[in-house]
Amino acid sequence: MARLGAVSLLVRDYDEAIAFYVGKLGFDLSEDTVMGGGKRWVRVTPKGGDTSLLLAKATTDAQVARVGDQAGGRVWLFLETDDLARDYAAWSVAGVTFRETPRHEPYGVVAVFEDLYGNAWDLIEPASTRD
């Protein structure tokens, strides 16, 4: 059986990314291993999730140019929650930028937010959790 273990995310700095994902969004710091030469293997995982973000420090001009634009301006990742209102309120207080207030869609309640670099994410409370 295959599963998606991690998704790479270009970041400017490991520690500022950890501060955002762990400190503001409440992700777990799953791994932080020094690899040498300024490189680290850093994984953050949403609480209760099994797919991690691999925080990859941008080192080339091409990579630096893509920090904050992983998906060309579209929503890039979709984070599911069992209580969107709770997370929206807590993350707003923590300084997370939301592009909209929560809205109802056939698939659930959703609000687009930005990570610290401006990548767009959907925070979704699936309709199946509201039944």
Foldseek 3Di string as FASTA:
>chain_A
DDDAQEAEAEDQDDVVQCCQCCVQQNWAFPDWADPDPRDTFTWTGRVPDRYTYGYGYDDDPVSVVCHQPVPPLDQDEEAEDLDPVVSVVSNVVVPWAWPDDWDADPQAIWTWTATPSNHIYIYGHGPVSVD
